[in-house]
Amino acid sequence: MIVIRNALPQDVGDITEIYNQAILHTTATFDTEPKSAEDQQKWFAEHNSQYPVLVAEKDSAVTGWASLSRWSDRCAYSGTAEISLYIAEGERGKGIGRKLFEAILLEGQKAGLHTVIARIVEGNAASIHLCESAGFIPIGTMREVGRKFGKLLNVLLLQKIY
């Protein structure tokens, strides 16, 4: 059974492990160097009830996480967040991502956010489908903005307005 809950400080190690796997082996993030526990503790501390972090647990193990982060530190953007979602290798394709995604969007709505932005590397069909099925609409493409694994990559922008 999958349990979705608010992330706790003691979850940061598992969150870091899942994220570092994505850094090293996927284009889901444009980070290229693994994060330290200290880096991720700082990241976690920047989140709160308006910008939450949730984890998915299966058999008492963290198998994925989702967050809403500040889009910008400029005050006029205070109702806008960027969504992130990462699932542990070996747990993808089992519905965990969808449950986390739906839960984090609900938390954003409860927090009074107005809009959520997703940045997805072109070609990530699963993430694009997940966003569109949750009501996100494409709003643009940033061409050749990232370089990872020796390739220039486009990033699609999608937006959900509550």
C-alpha atoms as a PDB file:
ATOM      1  CA  MET A   1       0.000   0.000   0.000  1.00  0.00           C
ATOM      2  CA  ILE A   2       1.253   3.485  -0.877  1.00  0.00           C
ATOM      3  CA  VAL A   3       1.086   6.175   1.800  1.00  0.00           C
ATOM      4  CA  ILE A   4       1.491   9.831   0.798  1.00  0.00           C
ATOM      5  CA  ARG A   5       2.540  12.164   3.615  1.00  0.00           C
ATOM      6  CA  ASN A   6       4.367  15.378   4.378  1.00  0.00           C
ATOM      7  CA  ALA A   7       8.110  14.939   4.218  1.00  0.00           C
ATOM      8  CA  LEU A   8      10.001  15.084   7.491  1.00  0.00           C
ATOM      9  CA  PRO A   9      13.618  16.135   8.081  1.00  0.00           C
ATOM     10  CA  GLN A  10      14.568  12.474   8.494  1.00  0.00           C
ATOM     11  CA  ASP A  11      13.332  11.793   4.928  1.00  0.00           C
ATOM     12  CA  VAL A  12      15.937  14.061   3.359  1.00  0.00           C
ATOM     13  CA  GLY A  13      18.453  11.207   2.997  1.00  0.00           C
ATOM     14  CA  ASP A  14      15.983   9.150   0.950  1.00  0.00           C
ATOM     15  CA  ILE A  15      14.932  12.225  -1.044  1.00  0.00           C
ATOM     16  CA  THR A  16      18.599  12.919  -1.801  1.00  0.00           C
ATOM     17  CA  GLU A  17      19.247   9.338  -2.893  1.00  0.00           C
ATOM     18  CA  ILE A  18      16.286   9.362  -5.293  1.00  0.00           C
ATOM     19  CA  TYR A  19      17.259  12.768  -6.682  1.00  0.00           C
ATOM     20  CA  ASN A  20      20.927  11.849  -7.101  1.00  0.00           C
ATOM     21  CA  GLN A  21      19.930   8.779  -9.115  1.00  0.00           C
ATOM     22  CA  ALA A  22      17.967  11.084 -11.435  1.00  0.00           C
ATOM     23  CA  ILE A  23      20.902  13.501 -11.672  1.00  0.00           C
ATOM     24  CA  LEU A  24      23.327  10.773 -12.698  1.00  0.00           C
ATOM     25  CA  HIS A  25      21.137   8.745 -15.045  1.00  0.00           C
ATOM     26  CA  THR A  26      18.315  10.879 -16.493  1.00  0.00           C
ATOM     27  CA  THR A  27      17.551  14.212 -18.125  1.00  0.00           C
ATOM     28  CA  ALA A  28      14.626  14.753 -15.737  1.00  0.00           C
ATOM     29  CA  THR A  29      16.818  17.290 -13.931  1.00  0.00           C
ATOM     30  CA  PHE A  30      19.472  19.552 -15.353  1.00  0.00           C
ATOM     31  CA  ASP A  31      21.600  19.241 -12.231  1.00  0.00           C
ATOM     32  CA  THR A  32      24.742  17.388 -13.274  1.00  0.00           C
ATOM     33  CA  GLU A  33      26.517  16.781  -9.962  1.00  0.00           C
ATOM     34  CA  PRO A  34      25.038  14.768  -7.077  1.00  0.00           C
ATOM     35  CA  LYS A  35      23.711  16.760  -4.131  1.00  0.00           C
ATOM     36  CA  SER A  36      25.144  16.434  -0.653  1.00  0.00           C
ATOM     37  CA  ALA A  37      23.005  15.868   2.413  1.00  0.00           C
ATOM     38  CA  GLU A  38      23.832  19.456   3.421  1.00  0.00           C
ATOM     39  CA  ASP A  39      22.616  20.792   0.036  1.00  0.00           C
ATOM     40  CA  GLN A  40      19.340  18.946   0.371  1.00  0.00           C
ATOM     41  CA  GLN A  41      18.827  19.977   4.007  1.00  0.00           C
ATOM     42  CA  LYS A  42      19.091  23.599   2.872  1.00  0.00           C
ATOM     43  CA  TRP A  43      16.654  22.921   0.006  1.00  0.00           C
ATOM     44  CA  PHE A  44      14.224  21.228   2.407  1.00  0.00           C
ATOM     45  CA  ALA A  45      14.382  24.159   4.844  1.00  0.00           C
ATOM     46  CA  GLU A  46      13.199  26.503   2.063  1.00  0.00           C
ATOM     47  CA  HIS A  47       9.862  24.661   1.909  1.00  0.00           C
ATOM     48  CA  ASN A  48       6.812  25.288   4.076  1.00  0.00           C
ATOM     49  CA  SER A  49       3.046  24.897   4.008  1.00  0.00           C
ATOM     50  CA  GLN A  50       2.758  27.086   0.891  1.00  0.00           C
ATOM     51  CA  TYR A  51       5.597  25.247  -0.844  1.00  0.00           C
ATOM     52  CA  PRO A  52       5.342  21.689   0.532  1.00  0.00           C
ATOM     53  CA  VAL A  53       7.343  18.518   0.052  1.00  0.00           C
ATOM     54  CA  LEU A  54       5.517  15.185   0.093  1.00  0.00           C
ATOM     55  CA  VAL A  55       6.881  11.646   0.063  1.00  0.00           C
ATOM     56  CA  ALA A  56       5.401   8.340  -0.985  1.00  0.00           C
ATOM     57  CA  GLU A  57       6.050   5.360   1.258  1.00  0.00           C
ATOM     58  CA  LYS A  58       5.709   1.717   0.318  1.00  0.00           C
ATOM     59  CA  ASP A  59       6.406  -0.860   3.025  1.00  0.00           C
ATOM     60  CA  SER A  60       7.867   1.941   5.217  1.00  0.00           C
ATOM     61  CA  ALA A  61      10.402   2.917   2.530  1.00  0.00           C
ATOM     62  CA  VAL A  62      10.360   6.270   0.711  1.00  0.00           C
ATOM     63  CA  THR A  63       9.810   5.468  -2.963  1.00  0.00           C
ATOM     64  CA  GLY A  64       9.273   8.961  -4.337  1.00  0.00           C
ATOM     65  CA  TRP A  65       8.841  12.618  -3.552  1.00  0.00           C
ATOM     66  CA  ALA A  66       7.146  15.708  -4.930  1.00  0.00           C
ATOM     67  CA  SER A  67       7.552  19.374  -4.121  1.00  0.00           C
ATOM     68  CA  LEU A  68       6.226  22.798  -4.935  1.00  0.00           C
ATOM     69  CA  SER A  69       8.987  25.388  -4.912  1.00  0.00           C
ATOM     70  CA  ARG A  70       9.046  29.141  -5.279  1.00  0.00           C
ATOM     71  CA  TRP A  71       9.033  30.110  -8.957  1.00  0.00           C
ATOM     72  CA  SER A  72      10.845  33.339  -8.135  1.00  0.00           C
ATOM     73  CA  ASP A  73      11.814  35.325  -5.064  1.00  0.00           C
ATOM     74  CA  ARG A  74      10.113  38.412  -6.531  1.00  0.00           C
ATOM     75  CA  CYS A  75       6.976  39.169  -4.515  1.00  0.00           C
ATOM     76  CA  ALA A  76       4.611  39.393  -7.476  1.00  0.00           C
ATOM     77  CA  TYR A  77       5.230  35.690  -8.148  1.00  0.00           C
ATOM     78  CA  SER A  78       4.162  34.591  -4.647  1.00  0.00           C
ATOM     79  CA  GLY A  79       1.125  32.697  -6.004  1.00  0.00           C
ATOM     80  CA  THR A  80       3.216  30.725  -8.493  1.00  0.00           C
ATOM     81  CA  ALA A  81       5.156  27.525  -7.821  1.00  0.00           C
ATOM     82  CA  GLU A  82       7.238  25.059  -9.792  1.00  0.00           C
ATOM     83  CA  ILE A  83       6.411  21.381  -9.409  1.00  0.00           C
ATOM     84  CA  SER A  84       8.998  18.600  -9.064  1.00  0.00           C
ATOM     85  CA  LEU A  85       8.399  14.859  -8.952  1.00  0.00           C
ATOM     86  CA  TYR A  86      10.926  12.031  -8.676  1.00  0.00           C
ATOM     87  CA  ILE A  87      10.294   8.315  -8.246  1.00  0.00           C
ATOM     88  CA  ALA A  88      12.893   5.748  -7.202  1.00  0.00           C
ATOM     89  CA  GLU A  89      14.309   3.583  -9.931  1.00  0.00           C
ATOM     90  CA  GLY A  90      12.430   0.304  -9.952  1.00  0.00           C
ATOM     91  CA  GLU A  91       9.241   1.959  -8.659  1.00  0.00           C
ATOM     92  CA  ARG A  92       8.380   3.936 -11.783  1.00  0.00           C
ATOM     93  CA  GLY A  93       5.296   3.008 -13.761  1.00  0.00           C
ATOM     94  CA  LYS A  94       3.420   1.670 -10.721  1.00  0.00           C
ATOM     95  CA  GLY A  95       1.102   4.640 -10.116  1.00  0.00           C
ATOM     96  CA  ILE A  96       3.186   6.185  -7.325  1.00  0.00           C
ATOM     97  CA  GLY A  97       3.980   9.266  -9.401  1.00  0.00           C
ATOM     98  CA  ARG A  98       0.336   9.923 -10.210  1.00  0.00           C
ATOM     99  CA  LYS A  99      -0.677   9.669  -6.538  1.00  0.00           C
ATOM    100  CA  LEU A 100       2.117  12.008  -5.459  1.00  0.00           C
ATOM    101  CA  PHE A 101       1.362  14.430  -8.292  1.00  0.00           C
ATOM    102  CA  GLU A 102      -2.329  14.642  -7.433  1.00  0.00           C
ATOM    103  CA  ALA A 103      -1.544  15.051  -3.727  1.00  0.00           C
ATOM    104  CA  ILE A 104       1.022  17.833  -4.207  1.00  0.00           C
ATOM    105  CA  LEU A 105      -1.338  19.727  -6.521  1.00  0.00           C
ATOM    106  CA  LEU A 106      -4.083  19.485  -3.917  1.00  0.00           C
ATOM    107  CA  GLU A 107      -1.700  20.827  -1.263  1.00  0.00           C
ATOM    108  CA  GLY A 108      -0.833  23.754  -3.541  1.00  0.00           C
ATOM    109  CA  GLN A 109      -4.495  24.546  -4.014  1.00  0.00           C
ATOM    110  CA  LYS A 110      -5.114  24.378  -0.252  1.00  0.00           C
ATOM    111  CA  ALA A 111      -2.145  26.712   0.275  1.00  0.00           C
ATOM    112  CA  GLY A 112      -3.768  29.311  -1.965  1.00  0.00           C
ATOM    113  CA  LEU A 113      -1.407  29.076  -4.922  1.00  0.00           C
ATOM    114  CA  HIS A 114      -2.799  30.459  -8.157  1.00  0.00           C
ATOM    115  CA  THR A 115      -0.669  28.624 -10.709  1.00  0.00           C
ATOM    116  CA  VAL A 116       1.876  25.817 -10.992  1.00  0.00           C
ATOM    117  CA  ILE A 117       4.568  25.609 -13.667  1.00  0.00           C
ATOM    118  CA  ALA A 118       6.227  22.417 -14.881  1.00  0.00           C
ATOM    119  CA  ARG A 119       9.505  22.366 -16.786  1.00  0.00           C
ATOM    120  CA  ILE A 120       9.923  19.057 -18.619  1.00  0.00           C
ATOM    121  CA  VAL A 121      12.706  18.006 -20.956  1.00  0.00           C
ATOM    122  CA  GLU A 122      11.408  17.419 -24.459  1.00  0.00           C
ATOM    123  CA  GLY A 123      10.866  13.719 -25.056  1.00  0.00           C
ATOM    124  CA  ASN A 124       9.816  12.843 -21.491  1.00  0.00           C
ATOM    125  CA  ALA A 125       6.445  11.510 -22.645  1.00  0.00           C
ATOM    126  CA  ALA A 126       5.439  10.079 -19.254  1.00  0.00           C
ATOM    127  CA  SER A 127       5.848  13.404 -17.439  1.00  0.00           C
ATOM    128  CA  ILE A 128       4.168  15.360 -20.218  1.00  0.00           C
ATOM    129  CA  HIS A 129       1.206  12.961 -20.172  1.00  0.00           C
ATOM    130  CA  LEU A 130       0.976  13.142 -16.368  1.00  0.00           C
ATOM    131  CA  CYS A 131       0.877  16.946 -16.461  1.00  0.00           C
ATOM    132  CA  GLU A 132      -1.648  17.143 -19.256  1.00  0.00           C
ATOM    133  CA  SER A 133      -3.915  14.592 -17.561  1.00  0.00           C
ATOM    134  CA  ALA A 134      -3.899  16.858 -14.467  1.00  0.00           C
ATOM    135  CA  GLY A 135      -5.009  19.900 -16.469  1.00  0.00           C
ATOM    136  CA  PHE A 136      -1.654  21.472 -17.353  1.00  0.00           C
ATOM    137  CA  ILE A 137      -1.481  23.155 -20.746  1.00  0.00           C
ATOM    138  CA  PRO A 138       1.652  23.751 -22.846  1.00  0.00           C
ATOM    139  CA  ILE A 139       2.754  27.384 -22.761  1.00  0.00           C
ATOM    140  CA  GLY A 140       6.057  27.263 -24.619  1.00  0.00           C
ATOM    141  CA  THR A 141       9.364  25.653 -25.427  1.00  0.00           C
ATOM    142  CA  MET A 142      12.755  26.860 -24.330  1.00  0.00           C
ATOM    143  CA  ARG A 143      15.056  25.693 -27.122  1.00  0.00           C
ATOM    144  CA  GLU A 144      18.504  24.244 -26.445  1.00  0.00           C
ATOM    145  CA  VAL A 145      18.662  25.654 -22.905  1.00  0.00           C
ATOM    146  CA  GLY A 146      20.375  22.672 -21.312  1.00  0.00           C
ATOM    147  CA  ARG A 147      23.280  20.391 -22.115  1.00  0.00           C
ATOM    148  CA  LYS A 148      23.427  16.971 -20.517  1.00  0.00           C
ATOM    149  CA  PHE A 149      25.035  13.702 -21.589  1.00  0.00           C
ATOM    150  CA  GLY A 150      26.563  15.533 -24.557  1.00  0.00           C
ATOM    151  CA  LYS A 151      23.250  16.724 -26.007  1.00  0.00           C
ATOM    152  CA  LEU A 152      21.568  20.117 -26.228  1.00  0.00           C
ATOM    153  CA  LEU A 153      18.057  19.768 -24.799  1.00  0.00           C
ATOM    154  CA  ASN A 154      14.785  21.641 -25.174  1.00  0.00           C
ATOM    155  CA  VAL A 155      12.512  22.215 -22.185  1.00  0.00           C
ATOM    156  CA  LEU A 156       8.747  22.358 -22.427  1.00  0.00           C
ATOM    157  CA  LEU A 157       6.833  24.680 -20.120  1.00  0.00           C
ATOM    158  CA  LEU A 158       3.397  23.607 -18.927  1.00  0.00           C
ATOM    159  CA  GLN A 159       1.044  25.513 -16.609  1.00  0.00           C
ATOM    160  CA  LYS A 160      -1.927  24.708 -14.431  1.00  0.00           C
ATOM    161  CA  ILE A 161      -4.114  27.524 -13.150  1.00  0.00           C
ATOM    162  CA  TYR A 162      -6.294  26.544 -10.207  1.00  0.00           C
END
